[in-house]
Amino acid sequence: MSRDTKAHSVKTYHVLLTTYNSTCMFKNYLKVALRSLWKNKGFSAINIIGLAIGLAVCLLIVLYVVDELSYDKYNKNADRKDHKSSTFTYFNGIKFENV
């Protein structure tokens, strides 16, 4: 066995061992997390529901912002489009701008 082949086999063994240890550690972390979730059912449910609501609201906000930013983008001359604005003043001094 040449020196390069031996070094290659040692590296391969090390990679396989590291992969095996990482898999075992992940399984162990998963077991610990599931045991904790099962032990504290009420708190876990509150946390999971809160996370789901937070993600849903975040997704809705992102969709709304994307929709607002895409306004008039269908027009090839959208950058040249001008929007009129006006100011109304009523008898009691209240001003309404951009109506």
N, C-alpha and C. Protein backbone atom coordinates (compact mmCIF):
# COMPACT_ATOMS: atom_id res chain seq x y z
N MET A 1 0.85 -1.17 0.00
CA MET A 1 0.00 0.00 0.00
C MET A 1 0.89 1.23 0.00
N SER A 2 0.66 2.10 -0.96
CA SER A 2 1.50 3.29 -1.05
C SER A 2 1.07 4.30 0.00
N ARG A 3 1.91 5.30 0.14
CA ARG A 3 1.68 6.32 1.15
C ARG A 3 0.41 7.12 0.82
N ASP A 4 0.18 7.46 -0.47
CA ASP A 4 -0.99 8.23 -0.88
C ASP A 4 -2.28 7.44 -0.66
N THR A 5 -2.25 6.14 -0.95
CA THR A 5 -3.44 5.31 -0.76
C THR A 5 -3.78 5.21 0.71
N LYS A 6 -2.77 5.08 1.57
CA LYS A 6 -3.01 4.99 3.01
C LYS A 6 -3.59 6.30 3.54
N ALA A 7 -3.04 7.41 3.08
CA ALA A 7 -3.55 8.71 3.52
C ALA A 7 -4.99 8.89 3.05
N HIS A 8 -5.27 8.46 1.84
CA HIS A 8 -6.63 8.57 1.30
C HIS A 8 -7.60 7.72 2.11
N SER A 9 -7.20 6.50 2.46
CA SER A 9 -8.10 5.63 3.23
C SER A 9 -8.34 6.19 4.63
N VAL A 10 -7.32 6.82 5.22
CA VAL A 10 -7.49 7.43 6.54
C VAL A 10 -8.46 8.61 6.45
N LYS A 11 -8.32 9.41 5.38
CA LYS A 11 -9.23 10.54 5.20
C LYS A 11 -10.66 10.05 4.99
N THR A 12 -10.81 9.00 4.20
CA THR A 12 -12.14 8.44 3.95
C THR A 12 -12.75 7.93 5.24
N TYR A 13 -11.95 7.22 6.06
CA TYR A 13 -12.43 6.71 7.34
C TYR A 13 -12.84 7.87 8.24
N HIS A 14 -12.04 8.94 8.25
CA HIS A 14 -12.36 10.09 9.09
C HIS A 14 -13.66 10.76 8.65
N VAL A 15 -13.87 10.87 7.34
CA VAL A 15 -15.11 11.48 6.82
C VAL A 15 -16.30 10.61 7.19
N LEU A 16 -16.18 9.30 7.02
CA LEU A 16 -17.27 8.40 7.37
C LEU A 16 -17.57 8.45 8.86
N LEU A 17 -16.53 8.47 9.68
CA LEU A 17 -16.72 8.53 11.13
C LEU A 17 -17.38 9.84 11.54
N THR A 18 -16.95 10.94 10.94
CA THR A 18 -17.55 12.25 11.24
C THR A 18 -19.02 12.27 10.83
N THR A 19 -19.33 11.71 9.68
CA THR A 19 -20.71 11.66 9.21
C THR A 19 -21.56 10.81 10.15
N TYR A 20 -21.02 9.68 10.58
CA TYR A 20 -21.74 8.80 11.50
C TYR A 20 -21.97 9.51 12.83
N ASN A 21 -20.95 10.19 13.36
CA ASN A 21 -21.10 10.89 14.63
C ASN A 21 -22.11 12.03 14.51
N SER A 22 -22.10 12.74 13.39
CA SER A 22 -23.05 13.83 13.19
C SER A 22 -24.48 13.29 13.15
N THR A 23 -24.66 12.13 12.48
CA THR A 23 -25.98 11.53 12.41
C THR A 23 -26.45 11.09 13.79
N CYS A 24 -25.56 10.50 14.55
CA CYS A 24 -25.92 10.07 15.91
C CYS A 24 -26.25 11.27 16.79
N MET A 25 -25.47 12.35 16.68
CA MET A 25 -25.74 13.54 17.48
C MET A 25 -27.08 14.14 17.11
N PHE A 26 -27.39 14.19 15.81
CA PHE A 26 -28.68 14.74 15.38
C PHE A 26 -29.83 13.90 15.93
N LYS A 27 -29.70 12.58 15.87
CA LYS A 27 -30.75 11.71 16.41
C LYS A 27 -30.91 11.94 17.91
N ASN A 28 -29.79 12.12 18.62
CA ASN A 28 -29.85 12.36 20.05
C ASN A 28 -30.54 13.69 20.35
N TYR A 29 -30.18 14.74 19.60
CA TYR A 29 -30.81 16.05 19.80
C TYR A 29 -32.31 15.96 19.50
N LEU A 30 -32.68 15.21 18.48
CA LEU A 30 -34.09 15.04 18.14
C LEU A 30 -34.85 14.34 19.26
N LYS A 31 -34.25 13.30 19.84
CA LYS A 31 -34.88 12.58 20.96
C LYS A 31 -35.08 13.51 22.15
N VAL A 32 -34.05 14.28 22.48
CA VAL A 32 -34.14 15.20 23.62
C VAL A 32 -35.23 16.24 23.37
N ALA A 33 -35.29 16.78 22.16
CA ALA A 33 -36.31 17.79 21.83
C ALA A 33 -37.71 17.20 21.92
N LEU A 34 -37.90 16.01 21.39
CA LEU A 34 -39.23 15.38 21.44
C LEU A 34 -39.63 15.05 22.88
N ARG A 35 -38.69 14.60 23.68
CA ARG A 35 -39.00 14.34 25.10
C ARG A 35 -39.42 15.62 25.80
N SER A 36 -38.71 16.72 25.50
CA SER A 36 -39.04 18.00 26.12
C SER A 36 -40.42 18.47 25.67
N LEU A 37 -40.72 18.32 24.38
CA LEU A 37 -42.05 18.70 23.88
C LEU A 37 -43.14 17.88 24.53
N TRP A 38 -42.90 16.58 24.67
CA TRP A 38 -43.90 15.70 25.26
C TRP A 38 -44.10 15.98 26.74
N LYS A 39 -43.01 16.35 27.42
CA LYS A 39 -43.08 16.61 28.86
C LYS A 39 -43.84 17.92 29.14
N ASN A 40 -43.63 18.93 28.33
CA ASN A 40 -44.26 20.24 28.53
C ASN A 40 -45.25 20.50 27.39
N LYS A 41 -46.33 19.76 27.37
CA LYS A 41 -47.28 19.83 26.25
C LYS A 41 -47.91 21.21 26.11
N GLY A 42 -48.32 21.80 27.20
CA GLY A 42 -49.00 23.10 27.15
C GLY A 42 -48.10 24.19 26.62
N PHE A 43 -46.90 24.31 27.19
CA PHE A 43 -45.96 25.33 26.73
C PHE A 43 -45.53 25.07 25.29
N SER A 44 -45.36 23.82 24.94
CA SER A 44 -44.97 23.48 23.57
C SER A 44 -46.06 23.87 22.59
N ALA A 45 -47.31 23.61 22.94
CA ALA A 45 -48.42 23.98 22.05
C ALA A 45 -48.48 25.49 21.88
N ILE A 46 -48.34 26.23 22.96
CA ILE A 46 -48.37 27.69 22.88
C ILE A 46 -47.23 28.20 22.01
N ASN A 47 -46.03 27.65 22.19
CA ASN A 47 -44.88 28.08 21.39
C ASN A 47 -45.05 27.74 19.91
N ILE A 48 -45.54 26.56 19.60
CA ILE A 48 -45.71 26.14 18.21
C ILE A 48 -46.82 26.96 17.54
N ILE A 49 -47.91 27.20 18.25
CA ILE A 49 -49.00 28.03 17.69
C ILE A 49 -48.52 29.46 17.47
N GLY A 50 -47.78 29.99 18.42
CA GLY A 50 -47.23 31.35 18.27
C GLY A 50 -46.27 31.44 17.09
N LEU A 51 -45.44 30.43 16.91
CA LEU A 51 -44.52 30.41 15.78
C LEU A 51 -45.29 30.35 14.46
N ALA A 52 -46.32 29.52 14.41
CA ALA A 52 -47.12 29.40 13.18
C ALA A 52 -47.82 30.71 12.85
N ILE A 53 -48.39 31.36 13.86
CA ILE A 53 -49.08 32.64 13.63
C ILE A 53 -48.07 33.70 13.18
N GLY A 54 -46.92 33.74 13.83
CA GLY A 54 -45.89 34.71 13.45
C GLY A 54 -45.41 34.53 12.02
N LEU A 55 -45.19 33.30 11.62
CA LEU A 55 -44.77 33.03 10.24
C LEU A 55 -45.86 33.39 9.24
N ALA A 56 -47.11 33.09 9.59
CA ALA A 56 -48.22 33.42 8.69
C ALA A 56 -48.36 34.93 8.52
N VAL A 57 -48.28 35.67 9.61
CA VAL A 57 -48.39 37.13 9.53
C VAL A 57 -47.22 37.72 8.74
N CYS A 58 -46.04 37.20 8.97
CA CYS A 58 -44.86 37.66 8.23
C CYS A 58 -45.04 37.41 6.73
N LEU A 59 -45.55 36.25 6.38
CA LEU A 59 -45.79 35.93 4.97
C LEU A 59 -46.84 36.87 4.37
N LEU A 60 -47.90 37.16 5.12
CA LEU A 60 -48.92 38.09 4.62
C LEU A 60 -48.36 39.49 4.42
N ILE A 61 -47.52 39.95 5.34
CA ILE A 61 -46.91 41.27 5.21
C ILE A 61 -46.01 41.32 3.97
N VAL A 62 -45.23 40.28 3.76
CA VAL A 62 -44.35 40.23 2.59
C VAL A 62 -45.17 40.24 1.31
N LEU A 63 -46.24 39.46 1.27
CA LEU A 63 -47.09 39.44 0.08
C LEU A 63 -47.73 40.80 -0.18
N TYR A 64 -48.16 41.48 0.87
CA TYR A 64 -48.75 42.81 0.72
C TYR A 64 -47.72 43.81 0.19
N VAL A 65 -46.51 43.78 0.73
CA VAL A 65 -45.47 44.71 0.29
C VAL A 65 -45.09 44.45 -1.16
N VAL A 66 -44.98 43.19 -1.54
CA VAL A 66 -44.66 42.85 -2.93
C VAL A 66 -45.76 43.34 -3.86
N ASP A 67 -47.01 43.18 -3.44
CA ASP A 67 -48.13 43.65 -4.25
C ASP A 67 -48.11 45.17 -4.40
N GLU A 68 -47.84 45.88 -3.31
CA GLU A 68 -47.80 47.34 -3.37
C GLU A 68 -46.63 47.84 -4.22
N LEU A 69 -45.51 47.17 -4.15
CA LEU A 69 -44.35 47.59 -4.94
C LEU A 69 -44.52 47.28 -6.42
N SER A 70 -45.39 46.35 -6.74
CA SER A 70 -45.58 45.98 -8.15
C SER A 70 -46.67 46.82 -8.81
N TYR A 71 -47.21 47.81 -8.13
CA TYR A 71 -48.26 48.66 -8.68
C TYR A 71 -47.74 49.40 -9.90
N ASP A 72 -48.45 49.35 -11.00
CA ASP A 72 -48.13 49.99 -12.27
C ASP A 72 -46.84 49.47 -12.91
N LYS A 73 -46.34 48.34 -12.50
CA LYS A 73 -45.13 47.79 -13.12
C LYS A 73 -45.44 47.07 -14.43
N TYR A 74 -46.70 46.80 -14.70
CA TYR A 74 -47.06 46.13 -15.94
C TYR A 74 -46.84 47.03 -17.15
N ASN A 75 -46.88 48.34 -16.92
CA ASN A 75 -46.74 49.31 -18.00
C ASN A 75 -45.25 49.49 -18.31
N LYS A 76 -44.90 49.44 -19.60
CA LYS A 76 -43.48 49.56 -19.95
C LYS A 76 -42.95 50.97 -19.68
N ASN A 77 -43.83 51.98 -19.61
CA ASN A 77 -43.43 53.35 -19.31
C ASN A 77 -43.83 53.74 -17.88
N ALA A 78 -43.78 52.81 -16.97
CA ALA A 78 -44.23 53.07 -15.60
C ALA A 78 -43.39 54.14 -14.91
N ASP A 79 -42.12 54.25 -15.26
CA ASP A 79 -41.27 55.25 -14.62
C ASP A 79 -41.60 56.67 -15.11
N ARG A 80 -42.30 56.79 -16.23
CA ARG A 80 -42.66 58.10 -16.78
C ARG A 80 -44.06 58.53 -16.39
N LYS A 81 -44.77 57.70 -15.66
CA LYS A 81 -46.15 57.99 -15.30
C LYS A 81 -46.19 59.04 -14.18
N ASP A 82 -47.12 59.98 -14.30
CA ASP A 82 -47.24 61.05 -13.32
C ASP A 82 -48.57 60.90 -12.60
N HIS A 83 -48.54 61.11 -11.29
CA HIS A 83 -49.75 61.03 -10.49
C HIS A 83 -50.14 62.44 -10.04
N LYS A 84 -51.39 62.78 -10.23
CA LYS A 84 -51.88 64.09 -9.82
C LYS A 84 -52.18 64.06 -8.32
N SER A 85 -51.94 65.18 -7.69
CA SER A 85 -52.31 65.32 -6.28
C SER A 85 -52.97 66.67 -6.10
N SER A 86 -53.80 66.74 -5.10
CA SER A 86 -54.50 68.00 -4.85
C SER A 86 -54.71 68.16 -3.35
N THR A 87 -54.97 69.39 -2.95
CA THR A 87 -55.21 69.70 -1.55
C THR A 87 -56.56 70.40 -1.44
N PHE A 88 -57.39 69.90 -0.55
CA PHE A 88 -58.69 70.52 -0.29
C PHE A 88 -58.67 71.09 1.11
N THR A 89 -59.18 72.32 1.24
CA THR A 89 -59.31 72.94 2.54
C THR A 89 -60.79 73.24 2.76
N TYR A 90 -61.31 72.72 3.85
CA TYR A 90 -62.72 72.94 4.16
C TYR A 90 -62.89 74.20 5.00
N PHE A 91 -64.14 74.59 5.22
CA PHE A 91 -64.44 75.86 5.91
C PHE A 91 -63.91 75.91 7.34
N ASN A 92 -63.72 74.75 7.96
CA ASN A 92 -63.23 74.75 9.34
C ASN A 92 -61.71 74.63 9.41
N GLY A 93 -61.03 74.74 8.27
CA GLY A 93 -59.57 74.76 8.25
C GLY A 93 -58.91 73.38 8.11
N ILE A 94 -59.68 72.32 8.01
CA ILE A 94 -59.11 70.99 7.87
C ILE A 94 -58.63 70.79 6.44
N LYS A 95 -57.40 70.34 6.28
CA LYS A 95 -56.82 70.14 4.97
C LYS A 95 -56.76 68.63 4.66
N PHE A 96 -57.10 68.29 3.44
CA PHE A 96 -56.96 66.92 2.95
C PHE A 96 -56.03 66.97 1.74
N GLU A 97 -54.90 66.33 1.85
CA GLU A 97 -53.93 66.34 0.76
C GLU A 97 -53.93 65.02 0.03
N ASN A 98 -53.59 65.08 -1.25
CA ASN A 98 -53.46 63.91 -2.10
C ASN A 98 -54.75 63.09 -2.16
N VAL A 99 -55.86 63.79 -2.35
CA VAL A 99 -57.15 63.11 -2.43
C VAL A 99 -57.45 62.80 -3.87
